[in-house]
Full PDB file with SEQRES, HELIX, SHEET, SSBOND, CRYST1, ORIGX, SCALE, CONECT and MASTER records, all heavy atoms in Angstrom:
SEQRES   1 A   40  ALA LEU GLU ASP LYS LEU PRO VAL ILE LEU VAL VAL ASN          
SEQRES   2 A   40  LYS VAL ASP ARG PRO ASP ALA ARG ILE SER GLU VAL VAL          
SEQRES   3 A   40  ASP GLU VAL TYR GLU LEU PHE ILE ASP LEU GLY ALA SER          
SEQRES   4 A   40  GLU                                                          
HELIX    1 AA1 ILE A   22  ASP A   35  1                                  14    
CRYST1    1.000    1.000    1.000  90.00  90.00  90.00 P 1           1          
ORIGX1      1.000000  0.000000  0.000000        0.00000                         
ORIGX2      0.000000  1.000000  0.000000        0.00000                         
ORIGX3      0.000000  0.000000  1.000000        0.00000                         
SCALE1      1.000000  0.000000  0.000000        0.00000                         
SCALE2      0.000000  1.000000  0.000000        0.00000                         
SCALE3      0.000000  0.000000  1.000000        0.00000                         
ATOM      1  N   ALA A   1      -6.698  -9.670  23.832  1.00  0.00           N  
ATOM      2  CA  ALA A   1      -6.829  -8.229  23.572  1.00  0.00           C  
ATOM      3  C   ALA A   1      -8.301  -7.809  23.511  1.00  0.00           C  
ATOM      4  O   ALA A   1      -8.685  -6.758  24.049  1.00  0.00           O  
ATOM      5  CB  ALA A   1      -6.119  -7.864  22.271  1.00  0.00           C  
ATOM      6  N   LEU A   2      -9.130  -8.636  22.873  1.00  0.00           N  
ATOM      7  CA  LEU A   2     -10.561  -8.308  22.762  1.00  0.00           C  
ATOM      8  C   LEU A   2     -11.241  -8.384  24.125  1.00  0.00           C  
ATOM      9  O   LEU A   2     -12.143  -7.597  24.425  1.00  0.00           O  
ATOM     10  CB  LEU A   2     -11.246  -9.250  21.764  1.00  0.00           C  
ATOM     11  CG  LEU A   2     -10.790  -9.135  20.303  1.00  0.00           C  
ATOM     12  CD1 LEU A   2     -11.498 -10.151  19.432  1.00  0.00           C  
ATOM     13  CD2 LEU A   2     -11.015  -7.720  19.774  1.00  0.00           C  
ATOM     14  N   GLU A   3     -10.813  -9.361  24.968  1.00  0.00           N  
ATOM     15  CA  GLU A   3     -11.385  -9.463  26.323  1.00  0.00           C  
ATOM     16  C   GLU A   3     -11.093  -8.198  27.124  1.00  0.00           C  
ATOM     17  O   GLU A   3     -11.910  -7.757  27.934  1.00  0.00           O  
ATOM     18  CB  GLU A   3     -10.785 -10.673  27.054  1.00  0.00           C  
ATOM     19  CG  GLU A   3     -11.382 -12.006  26.613  1.00  0.00           C  
ATOM     20  CD  GLU A   3     -10.638 -13.193  27.215  1.00  0.00           C  
ATOM     21  OE1 GLU A   3      -9.718 -12.978  28.031  1.00  0.00           O  
ATOM     22  OE2 GLU A   3     -10.983 -14.342  26.864  1.00  0.00           O  
ATOM     23  N   ASP A   4      -9.915  -7.600  26.895  1.00  0.00           N  
ATOM     24  CA  ASP A   4      -9.542  -6.364  27.606  1.00  0.00           C  
ATOM     25  C   ASP A   4     -10.090  -5.120  26.915  1.00  0.00           C  
ATOM     26  O   ASP A   4      -9.761  -3.992  27.307  1.00  0.00           O  
ATOM     27  CB  ASP A   4      -8.013  -6.260  27.718  1.00  0.00           C  
ATOM     28  CG  ASP A   4      -7.452  -7.294  28.688  1.00  0.00           C  
ATOM     29  OD1 ASP A   4      -8.239  -7.845  29.484  1.00  0.00           O  
ATOM     30  OD2 ASP A   4      -6.229  -7.537  28.671  1.00  0.00           O  
ATOM     31  N   LYS A   5     -10.904  -5.328  25.847  1.00  0.00           N  
ATOM     32  CA  LYS A   5     -11.559  -4.225  25.114  1.00  0.00           C  
ATOM     33  C   LYS A   5     -10.533  -3.212  24.578  1.00  0.00           C  
ATOM     34  O   LYS A   5     -10.733  -1.995  24.664  1.00  0.00           O  
ATOM     35  CB  LYS A   5     -12.606  -3.535  25.985  1.00  0.00           C  
ATOM     36  CG  LYS A   5     -13.745  -4.480  26.373  1.00  0.00           C  
ATOM     37  CD  LYS A   5     -14.830  -3.770  27.134  1.00  0.00           C  
ATOM     38  CE  LYS A   5     -16.076  -4.616  27.279  1.00  0.00           C  
ATOM     39  NZ  LYS A   5     -15.852  -6.005  27.687  1.00  0.00           N  
ATOM     40  N   LEU A   6      -9.426  -3.722  24.037  1.00  0.00           N  
ATOM     41  CA  LEU A   6      -8.379  -2.850  23.501  1.00  0.00           C  
ATOM     42  C   LEU A   6      -8.597  -2.637  22.003  1.00  0.00           C  
ATOM     43  O   LEU A   6      -8.917  -3.579  21.283  1.00  0.00           O  
ATOM     44  CB  LEU A   6      -6.999  -3.483  23.725  1.00  0.00           C  
ATOM     45  CG  LEU A   6      -6.573  -3.670  25.186  1.00  0.00           C  
ATOM     46  CD1 LEU A   6      -5.295  -4.491  25.255  1.00  0.00           C  
ATOM     47  CD2 LEU A   6      -6.383  -2.333  25.865  1.00  0.00           C  
ATOM     48  N   PRO A   7      -8.428  -1.401  21.502  1.00  0.00           N  
ATOM     49  CA  PRO A   7      -8.522  -1.169  20.052  1.00  0.00           C  
ATOM     50  C   PRO A   7      -7.363  -1.852  19.330  1.00  0.00           C  
ATOM     51  O   PRO A   7      -6.268  -1.968  19.869  1.00  0.00           O  
ATOM     52  CB  PRO A   7      -8.435   0.353  19.915  1.00  0.00           C  
ATOM     53  CG  PRO A   7      -7.822   0.834  21.180  1.00  0.00           C  
ATOM     54  CD  PRO A   7      -8.179  -0.151  22.251  1.00  0.00           C  
ATOM     55  N   VAL A   8      -7.623  -2.303  18.093  1.00  0.00           N  
ATOM     56  CA  VAL A   8      -6.642  -3.103  17.348  1.00  0.00           C  
ATOM     57  C   VAL A   8      -6.304  -2.428  16.025  1.00  0.00           C  
ATOM     58  O   VAL A   8      -7.186  -1.933  15.326  1.00  0.00           O  
ATOM     59  CB  VAL A   8      -7.194  -4.522  17.079  1.00  0.00           C  
ATOM     60  CG1 VAL A   8      -6.197  -5.350  16.268  1.00  0.00           C  
ATOM     61  CG2 VAL A   8      -7.539  -5.232  18.376  1.00  0.00           C  
ATOM     62  N   ILE A   9      -5.013  -2.391  15.687  1.00  0.00           N  
ATOM     63  CA  ILE A   9      -4.560  -2.016  14.336  1.00  0.00           C  
ATOM     64  C   ILE A   9      -4.024  -3.288  13.702  1.00  0.00           C  
ATOM     65  O   ILE A   9      -3.144  -3.956  14.267  1.00  0.00           O  
ATOM     66  CB  ILE A   9      -3.435  -0.955  14.388  1.00  0.00           C  
ATOM     67  CG1 ILE A   9      -3.929   0.331  15.043  1.00  0.00           C  
ATOM     68  CG2 ILE A   9      -2.902  -0.677  12.984  1.00  0.00           C  
ATOM     69  CD1 ILE A   9      -2.830   1.361  15.296  1.00  0.00           C  
ATOM     70  N   LEU A  10      -4.553  -3.661  12.530  1.00  0.00           N  
ATOM     71  CA  LEU A  10      -4.055  -4.845  11.836  1.00  0.00           C  
ATOM     72  C   LEU A  10      -2.846  -4.460  10.993  1.00  0.00           C  
ATOM     73  O   LEU A  10      -2.921  -3.550  10.159  1.00  0.00           O  
ATOM     74  CB  LEU A  10      -5.145  -5.454  10.938  1.00  0.00           C  
ATOM     75  CG  LEU A  10      -4.688  -6.616  10.046  1.00  0.00           C  
ATOM     76  CD1 LEU A  10      -4.195  -7.792  10.882  1.00  0.00           C  
ATOM     77  CD2 LEU A  10      -5.809  -7.058   9.113  1.00  0.00           C  
ATOM     78  N   VAL A  11      -1.734  -5.135  11.223  1.00  0.00           N  
ATOM     79  CA  VAL A  11      -0.523  -4.921  10.428  1.00  0.00           C  
ATOM     80  C   VAL A  11      -0.262  -6.203   9.645  1.00  0.00           C  
ATOM     81  O   VAL A  11       0.036  -7.247  10.229  1.00  0.00           O  
ATOM     82  CB  VAL A  11       0.689  -4.590  11.330  1.00  0.00           C  
ATOM     83  CG1 VAL A  11       1.945  -4.402  10.474  1.00  0.00           C  
ATOM     84  CG2 VAL A  11       0.415  -3.352  12.162  1.00  0.00           C  
ATOM     85  N   VAL A  12      -0.416  -6.138   8.321  1.00  0.00           N  
ATOM     86  CA  VAL A  12      -0.111  -7.292   7.466  1.00  0.00           C  
ATOM     87  C   VAL A  12       1.359  -7.176   7.085  1.00  0.00           C  
ATOM     88  O   VAL A  12       1.743  -6.295   6.309  1.00  0.00           O  
ATOM     89  CB  VAL A  12      -1.019  -7.326   6.219  1.00  0.00           C  
ATOM     90  CG1 VAL A  12      -0.699  -8.553   5.367  1.00  0.00           C  
ATOM     91  CG2 VAL A  12      -2.484  -7.348   6.640  1.00  0.00           C  
ATOM     92  N   ASN A  13       2.180  -8.053   7.656  1.00  0.00           N  
ATOM     93  CA  ASN A  13       3.638  -7.957   7.488  1.00  0.00           C  
ATOM     94  C   ASN A  13       4.118  -8.921   6.399  1.00  0.00           C  
ATOM     95  O   ASN A  13       3.402  -9.844   6.009  1.00  0.00           O  
ATOM     96  CB  ASN A  13       4.321  -8.262   8.829  1.00  0.00           C  
ATOM     97  CG  ASN A  13       5.780  -7.891   8.818  1.00  0.00           C  
ATOM     98  OD1 ASN A  13       6.194  -6.977   8.103  1.00  0.00           O  
ATOM     99  ND2 ASN A  13       6.587  -8.600   9.587  1.00  0.00           N  
ATOM    100  N   LYS A  14       5.340  -8.715   5.972  1.00  0.00           N  
ATOM    101  CA  LYS A  14       6.007  -9.548   4.943  1.00  0.00           C  
ATOM    102  C   LYS A  14       5.233  -9.526   3.618  1.00  0.00           C  
ATOM    103  O   LYS A  14       5.070 -10.565   2.966  1.00  0.00           O  
ATOM    104  CB  LYS A  14       6.175 -10.996   5.439  1.00  0.00           C  
ATOM    105  CG  LYS A  14       6.933 -11.116   6.767  1.00  0.00           C  
ATOM    106  CD  LYS A  14       7.200 -12.556   7.121  1.00  0.00           C  
ATOM    107  CE  LYS A  14       7.838 -12.681   8.500  1.00  0.00           C  
ATOM    108  NZ  LYS A  14       8.151 -14.072   8.881  1.00  0.00           N  
ATOM    109  N   VAL A  15       4.746  -8.318   3.244  1.00  0.00           N  
ATOM    110  CA  VAL A  15       3.971  -8.202   1.996  1.00  0.00           C  
ATOM    111  C   VAL A  15       4.861  -8.422   0.774  1.00  0.00           C  
ATOM    112  O   VAL A  15       4.357  -8.585  -0.347  1.00  0.00           O  
ATOM    113  CB  VAL A  15       3.277  -6.819   1.893  1.00  0.00           C  
ATOM    114  CG1 VAL A  15       2.180  -6.695   2.919  1.00  0.00           C  
ATOM    115  CG2 VAL A  15       4.290  -5.688   2.040  1.00  0.00           C  
ATOM    116  N   ASP A  16       6.196  -8.443   0.971  1.00  0.00           N  
ATOM    117  CA  ASP A  16       7.117  -8.655  -0.152  1.00  0.00           C  
ATOM    118  C   ASP A  16       7.287 -10.135  -0.484  1.00  0.00           C  
ATOM    119  O   ASP A  16       7.962 -10.480  -1.448  1.00  0.00           O  
ATOM    120  CB  ASP A  16       8.475  -8.044   0.175  1.00  0.00           C  
ATOM    121  CG  ASP A  16       9.074  -8.638   1.459  1.00  0.00           C  
ATOM    122  OD1 ASP A  16       8.308  -8.783   2.431  1.00  0.00           O  
ATOM    123  OD2 ASP A  16      10.277  -8.953   1.491  1.00  0.00           O  
ATOM    124  N   ARG A  17       6.698 -11.026   0.331  1.00  0.00           N  
ATOM    125  CA  ARG A  17       6.864 -12.462   0.074  1.00  0.00           C  
ATOM    126  C   ARG A  17       6.265 -12.837  -1.284  1.00  0.00           C  
ATOM    127  O   ARG A  17       5.170 -12.362  -1.637  1.00  0.00           O  
ATOM    128  CB  ARG A  17       6.172 -13.287   1.165  1.00  0.00           C  
ATOM    129  CG  ARG A  17       6.938 -13.353   2.457  1.00  0.00           C  
ATOM    130  CD  ARG A  17       6.261 -14.224   3.493  1.00  0.00           C  
ATOM    131  NE  ARG A  17       6.152 -15.620   3.065  1.00  0.00           N  
ATOM    132  CZ  ARG A  17       6.024 -16.640   3.912  1.00  0.00           C  
ATOM    133  NH1 ARG A  17       6.017 -16.426   5.220  1.00  0.00           N  
ATOM    134  NH2 ARG A  17       5.911 -17.877   3.471  1.00  0.00           N  
ATOM    135  N   PRO A  18       6.947 -13.697  -2.040  1.00  0.00           N  
ATOM    136  CA  PRO A  18       6.400 -14.070  -3.351  1.00  0.00           C  
ATOM    137  C   PRO A  18       5.085 -14.834  -3.253  1.00  0.00           C  
ATOM    138  O   PRO A  18       4.278 -14.813  -4.181  1.00  0.00           O  
ATOM    139  CB  PRO A  18       7.510 -14.964  -3.959  1.00  0.00           C  
ATOM    140  CG  PRO A  18       8.378 -15.376  -2.805  1.00  0.00           C  
ATOM    141  CD  PRO A  18       8.274 -14.278  -1.798  1.00  0.00           C  
ATOM    142  N   ASP A  19       4.855 -15.505  -2.101  1.00  0.00           N  
ATOM    143  CA  ASP A  19       3.604 -16.258  -1.934  1.00  0.00           C  
ATOM    144  C   ASP A  19       2.580 -15.493  -1.096  1.00  0.00           C  
ATOM    145  O   ASP A  19       1.673 -16.085  -0.525  1.00  0.00           O  
ATOM    146  CB  ASP A  19       3.888 -17.629  -1.299  1.00  0.00           C  
ATOM    147  CG  ASP A  19       4.614 -17.506   0.039  1.00  0.00           C  
ATOM    148  OD1 ASP A  19       5.092 -16.391   0.359  1.00  0.00           O  
ATOM    149  OD2 ASP A  19       4.712 -18.508   0.762  1.00  0.00           O  
ATOM    150  N   ALA A  20       2.742 -14.164  -1.000  1.00  0.00           N  
ATOM    151  CA  ALA A  20       1.796 -13.347  -0.214  1.00  0.00           C  
ATOM    152  C   ALA A  20       0.401 -13.424  -0.812  1.00  0.00           C  
ATOM    153  O   ALA A  20       0.235 -13.410  -2.038  1.00  0.00           O  
ATOM    154  CB  ALA A  20       2.274 -11.895  -0.173  1.00  0.00           C  
ATOM    155  N   ARG A  21      -0.613 -13.530   0.061  1.00  0.00           N  
ATOM    156  CA  ARG A  21      -2.020 -13.562  -0.382  1.00  0.00           C  
ATOM    157  C   ARG A  21      -2.776 -12.567   0.508  1.00  0.00           C  
ATOM    158  O   ARG A  21      -3.559 -12.947   1.373  1.00  0.00           O  
ATOM    159  CB  ARG A  21      -2.583 -14.977  -0.315  1.00  0.00           C  
ATOM    160  CG  ARG A  21      -2.163 -15.761   0.869  1.00  0.00           C  
ATOM    161  CD  ARG A  21      -2.597 -17.213   0.866  1.00  0.00           C  
ATOM    162  NE  ARG A  21      -2.580 -17.705   2.249  1.00  0.00           N  
ATOM    163  CZ  ARG A  21      -3.613 -17.710   3.068  1.00  0.00           C  
ATOM    164  NH1 ARG A  21      -4.787 -17.282   2.658  1.00  0.00           N  
ATOM    165  NH2 ARG A  21      -3.501 -18.141   4.299  1.00  0.00           N  
ATOM    166  N   ILE A  22      -2.521 -11.296   0.270  1.00  0.00           N  
ATOM    167  CA  ILE A  22      -2.891 -10.232   1.206  1.00  0.00           C  
ATOM    168  C   ILE A  22      -4.401 -10.138   1.421  1.00  0.00           C  
ATOM    169  O   ILE A  22      -4.879 -10.111   2.560  1.00  0.00           O  
ATOM    170  CB  ILE A  22      -2.310  -8.880   0.718  1.00  0.00           C  
ATOM    171  CG1 ILE A  22      -0.776  -8.974   0.691  1.00  0.00           C  
ATOM    172  CG2 ILE A  22      -2.758  -7.745   1.621  1.00  0.00           C  
ATOM    173  CD1 ILE A  22      -0.099  -7.819   0.006  1.00  0.00           C  
ATOM    174  N   SER A  23      -5.191 -10.091   0.341  1.00  0.00           N  
ATOM    175  CA  SER A  23      -6.640  -9.896   0.504  1.00  0.00           C  
ATOM    176  C   SER A  23      -7.278 -11.084   1.231  1.00  0.00           C  
ATOM    177  O   SER A  23      -8.164 -10.901   2.075  1.00  0.00           O  
ATOM    178  CB  SER A  23      -7.311  -9.679  -0.855  1.00  0.00           C  
ATOM    179  OG  SER A  23      -7.060 -10.791  -1.705  1.00  0.00           O  
ATOM    180  N   GLU A  24      -6.808 -12.315   0.918  1.00  0.00           N  
ATOM    181  CA  GLU A  24      -7.355 -13.499   1.607  1.00  0.00           C  
ATOM    182  C   GLU A  24      -7.030 -13.457   3.101  1.00  0.00           C  
ATOM    183  O   GLU A  24      -7.870 -13.798   3.942  1.00  0.00           O  
ATOM    184  CB  GLU A  24      -6.804 -14.797   1.003  1.00  0.00           C  
ATOM    185  CG  GLU A  24      -7.253 -15.080  -0.409  1.00  0.00           C  
ATOM    186  CD  GLU A  24      -6.200 -14.660  -1.423  1.00  0.00           C  
ATOM    187  OE1 GLU A  24      -5.614 -13.564  -1.219  1.00  0.00           O  
ATOM    188  OE2 GLU A  24      -5.979 -15.382  -2.408  1.00  0.00           O  
ATOM    189  N   VAL A  25      -5.796 -13.021   3.428  1.00  0.00           N  
ATOM    190  CA  VAL A  25      -5.386 -12.957   4.838  1.00  0.00           C  
ATOM    191  C   VAL A  25      -6.232 -11.939   5.600  1.00  0.00           C  
ATOM    192  O   VAL A  25      -6.673 -12.183   6.729  1.00  0.00           O  
ATOM    193  CB  VAL A  25      -3.881 -12.620   4.947  1.00  0.00           C  
ATOM    194  CG1 VAL A  25      -3.511 -12.172   6.358  1.00  0.00           C  
ATOM    195  CG2 VAL A  25      -3.047 -13.831   4.537  1.00  0.00           C  
ATOM    196  N   VAL A  26      -6.513 -10.788   4.968  1.00  0.00           N  
ATOM    197  CA  VAL A  26      -7.354  -9.778   5.620  1.00  0.00           C  
ATOM    198  C   VAL A  26      -8.757 -10.345   5.876  1.00  0.00           C  
ATOM    199  O   VAL A  26      -9.333 -10.158   6.955  1.00  0.00           O  
ATOM    200  CB  VAL A  26      -7.427  -8.491   4.766  1.00  0.00           C  
ATOM    201  CG1 VAL A  26      -8.472  -7.529   5.316  1.00  0.00           C  
ATOM    202  CG2 VAL A  26      -6.067  -7.818   4.711  1.00  0.00           C  
ATOM    203  N   ASP A  27      -9.306 -11.079   4.891  1.00  0.00           N  
ATOM    204  CA  ASP A  27     -10.630 -11.714   5.064  1.00  0.00           C  
ATOM    205  C   ASP A  27     -10.594 -12.725   6.219  1.00  0.00           C  
ATOM    206  O   ASP A  27     -11.540 -12.809   7.012  1.00  0.00           O  
ATOM    207  CB  ASP A  27     -11.060 -12.418   3.774  1.00  0.00           C  
ATOM    208  CG  ASP A  27     -11.429 -11.438   2.670  1.00  0.00           C  
ATOM    209  OD1 ASP A  27     -11.663 -10.259   3.007  1.00  0.00           O  
ATOM    210  OD2 ASP A  27     -11.455 -11.839   1.493  1.00  0.00           O  
ATOM    211  N   GLU A  28      -9.495 -13.492   6.312  1.00  0.00           N  
ATOM    212  CA  GLU A  28      -9.364 -14.485   7.396  1.00  0.00           C  
ATOM    213  C   GLU A  28      -9.327 -13.796   8.759  1.00  0.00           C  
ATOM    214  O   GLU A  28      -9.868 -14.308   9.744  1.00  0.00           O  
ATOM    215  CB  GLU A  28      -8.099 -15.325   7.184  1.00  0.00           C  
ATOM    216  CG  GLU A  28      -8.222 -16.329   6.048  1.00  0.00           C  
ATOM    217  CD  GLU A  28      -6.884 -16.989   5.708  1.00  0.00           C  
ATOM    218  OE1 GLU A  28      -5.930 -16.859   6.511  1.00  0.00           O  
ATOM    219  OE2 GLU A  28      -6.786 -17.633   4.647  1.00  0.00           O  
ATOM    220  N   VAL A  29      -8.692 -12.628   8.823  1.00  0.00           N  
ATOM    221  CA  VAL A  29      -8.634 -11.889  10.090  1.00  0.00           C  
ATOM    222  C   VAL A  29     -10.028 -11.387  10.470  1.00  0.00           C  
ATOM    223  O   VAL A  29     -10.428 -11.460  11.641  1.00  0.00           O  
ATOM    224  CB  VAL A  29      -7.626 -10.718  10.008  1.00  0.00           C  
ATOM    225  CG1 VAL A  29      -7.691  -9.863  11.270  1.00  0.00           C  
ATOM    226  CG2 VAL A  29      -6.212 -11.250   9.809  1.00  0.00           C  
ATOM    227  N   TYR A  30     -10.783 -10.867   9.491  1.00  0.00           N  
ATOM    228  CA  TYR A  30     -12.169 -10.443   9.767  1.00  0.00           C  
ATOM    229  C   TYR A  30     -12.985 -11.618  10.317  1.00  0.00           C  
ATOM    230  O   TYR A  30     -13.729 -11.476  11.298  1.00  0.00           O  
ATOM    231  CB  TYR A  30     -12.832  -9.901   8.492  1.00  0.00           C  
ATOM    232  CG  TYR A  30     -12.571  -8.432   8.236  1.00  0.00           C  
ATOM    233  CD1 TYR A  30     -11.843  -8.016   7.126  1.00  0.00           C  
ATOM    234  CD2 TYR A  30     -13.056  -7.457   9.114  1.00  0.00           C  
ATOM    235  CE1 TYR A  30     -11.594  -6.661   6.888  1.00  0.00           C  
ATOM    236  CE2 TYR A  30     -12.816  -6.106   8.891  1.00  0.00           C  
ATOM    237  CZ  TYR A  30     -12.082  -5.719   7.777  1.00  0.00           C  
ATOM    238  OH  TYR A  30     -11.840  -4.387   7.559  1.00  0.00           O  
ATOM    239  N   GLU A  31     -12.839 -12.790   9.687  1.00  0.00           N  
ATOM    240  CA  GLU A  31     -13.559 -13.984  10.162  1.00  0.00           C  
ATOM    241  C   GLU A  31     -13.151 -14.335  11.591  1.00  0.00           C  
ATOM    242  O   GLU A  31     -13.986 -14.740  12.403  1.00  0.00           O  
ATOM    243  CB  GLU A  31     -13.252 -15.175   9.238  1.00  0.00           C  
ATOM    244  CG  GLU A  31     -13.944 -15.094   7.885  1.00  0.00           C  
ATOM    245  CD  GLU A  31     -13.468 -16.189   6.947  1.00  0.00           C  
ATOM    246  OE1 GLU A  31     -12.899 -17.197   7.432  1.00  0.00           O  
ATOM    247  OE2 GLU A  31     -13.647 -16.048   5.722  1.00  0.00           O  
ATOM    248  N   LEU A  32     -11.849 -14.180  11.899  1.00  0.00           N  
ATOM    249  CA  LEU A  32     -11.353 -14.483  13.237  1.00  0.00           C  
ATOM    250  C   LEU A  32     -11.970 -13.526  14.266  1.00  0.00           C  
ATOM    251  O   LEU A  32     -12.385 -13.949  15.357  1.00  0.00           O  
ATOM    252  CB  LEU A  32      -9.824 -14.375  13.263  1.00  0.00           C  
ATOM    253  CG  LEU A  32      -9.126 -14.712  14.584  1.00  0.00           C  
ATOM    254  CD1 LEU A  32      -9.453 -16.128  15.033  1.00  0.00           C  
ATOM    255  CD2 LEU A  32      -7.616 -14.541  14.440  1.00  0.00           C  
ATOM    256  N   PHE A  33     -12.069 -12.230  13.934  1.00  0.00           N  
ATOM    257  CA  PHE A  33     -12.693 -11.256  14.837  1.00  0.00           C  
ATOM    258  C   PHE A  33     -14.149 -11.650  15.120  1.00  0.00           C  
ATOM    259  O   PHE A  33     -14.595 -11.627  16.268  1.00  0.00           O  
ATOM    260  CB  PHE A  33     -12.657  -9.857  14.212  1.00  0.00           C  
ATOM    261  CG  PHE A  33     -11.438  -9.049  14.563  1.00  0.00           C  
ATOM    262  CD1 PHE A  33     -10.208  -9.322  13.996  1.00  0.00           C  
ATOM    263  CD2 PHE A  33     -11.517  -8.011  15.486  1.00  0.00           C  
ATOM    264  CE1 PHE A  33      -9.089  -8.586  14.310  1.00  0.00           C  
ATOM    265  CE2 PHE A  33     -10.407  -7.262  15.808  1.00  0.00           C  
ATOM    266  CZ  PHE A  33      -9.178  -7.548  15.222  1.00  0.00           C  
ATOM    267  N   ILE A  34     -14.876 -12.003  14.063  1.00  0.00           N  
ATOM    268  CA  ILE A  34     -16.293 -12.381  14.226  1.00  0.00           C  
ATOM    269  C   ILE A  34     -16.398 -13.653  15.073  1.00  0.00           C  
ATOM    270  O   ILE A  34     -17.243 -13.763  15.968  1.00  0.00           O  
ATOM    271  CB  ILE A  34     -16.953 -12.574  12.840  1.00  0.00           C  
ATOM    272  CG1 ILE A  34     -17.002 -11.224  12.104  1.00  0.00           C  
ATOM    273  CG2 ILE A  34     -18.345 -13.175  12.975  1.00  0.00           C  
ATOM    274  CD1 ILE A  34     -17.285 -11.334  10.622  1.00  0.00           C  
ATOM    275  N   ASP A  35     -15.500 -14.605  14.785  1.00  0.00           N  
ATOM    276  CA  ASP A  35     -15.489 -15.874  15.514  1.00  0.00           C  
ATOM    277  C   ASP A  35     -15.249 -15.665  17.007  1.00  0.00           C  
ATOM    278  O   ASP A  35     -15.779 -16.390  17.853  1.00  0.00           O  
ATOM    279  CB  ASP A  35     -14.386 -16.765  14.918  1.00  0.00           C  
ATOM    280  CG  ASP A  35     -14.582 -18.227  15.279  1.00  0.00           C  
ATOM    281  OD1 ASP A  35     -15.727 -18.606  15.566  1.00  0.00           O  
ATOM    282  OD2 ASP A  35     -13.595 -18.983  15.279  1.00  0.00           O  
ATOM    283  N   LEU A  36     -14.441 -14.653  17.354  1.00  0.00           N  
ATOM    284  CA  LEU A  36     -14.099 -14.385  18.756  1.00  0.00           C  
ATOM    285  C   LEU A  36     -15.099 -13.437  19.426  1.00  0.00           C  
ATOM    286  O   LEU A  36     -14.879 -13.011  20.567  1.00  0.00           O  
ATOM    287  CB  LEU A  36     -12.681 -13.807  18.860  1.00  0.00           C  
ATOM    288  CG  LEU A  36     -11.546 -14.770  18.482  1.00  0.00           C  
ATOM    289  CD1 LEU A  36     -10.199 -14.046  18.458  1.00  0.00           C  
ATOM    290  CD2 LEU A  36     -11.471 -15.939  19.460  1.00  0.00           C  
ATOM    291  N   GLY A  37     -16.173 -13.094  18.712  1.00  0.00           N  
ATOM    292  CA  GLY A  37     -17.219 -12.274  19.317  1.00  0.00           C  
ATOM    293  C   GLY A  37     -16.847 -10.815  19.490  1.00  0.00           C  
ATOM    294  O   GLY A  37     -17.258 -10.166  20.458  1.00  0.00           O  
ATOM    295  N   ALA A  38     -16.079 -10.256  18.545  1.00  0.00           N  
ATOM    296  CA  ALA A  38     -15.675  -8.845  18.643  1.00  0.00           C  
ATOM    297  C   ALA A  38     -16.881  -7.931  18.451  1.00  0.00           C  
ATOM    298  O   ALA A  38     -17.821  -8.258  17.725  1.00  0.00           O  
ATOM    299  CB  ALA A  38     -14.608  -8.546  17.594  1.00  0.00           C  
ATOM    300  N   SER A  39     -16.835  -6.788  19.110  1.00  0.00           N  
ATOM    301  CA  SER A  39     -17.925  -5.813  18.962  1.00  0.00           C  
ATOM    302  C   SER A  39     -17.774  -5.069  17.636  1.00  0.00           C  
ATOM    303  O   SER A  39     -16.745  -5.160  16.968  1.00  0.00           O  
ATOM    304  CB  SER A  39     -17.878  -4.808  20.116  1.00  0.00           C  
ATOM    305  OG  SER A  39     -16.668  -4.051  20.056  1.00  0.00           O  
ATOM    306  N   GLU A  40     -18.819  -4.313  17.256  1.00  0.00           N  
ATOM    307  CA  GLU A  40     -18.782  -3.588  15.977  1.00  0.00           C  
ATOM    308  C   GLU A  40     -17.628  -2.612  15.926  1.00  0.00           C  
ATOM    309  O   GLU A  40     -16.947  -2.463  14.912  1.00  0.00           O  
ATOM    310  CB  GLU A  40     -20.108  -2.837  15.772  1.00  0.00           C  
ATOM    311  CG  GLU A  40     -21.235  -3.746  15.315  1.00  0.00           C  
ATOM    312  CD  GLU A  40     -22.483  -2.957  14.978  1.00  0.00           C  
ATOM    313  OE1 GLU A  40     -22.342  -1.812  14.503  1.00  0.00           O  
ATOM    314  OE2 GLU A  40     -23.587  -3.479  15.190  1.00  0.00           O  
TER     315      GLU A  40                                                      
MASTER        0    0    0    1    0    0    0    6  314    1    0    4          
END                                                                             
């Protein structure tokens, strides 16, 4: 998706799970974007 320069909406699903760790998952996604060379 990033190679095709497509805008992204992050959807964090299954937030009702008892083992959900929402803020950590969002941080991991930010790290993944940076790791893949996403633009600002």
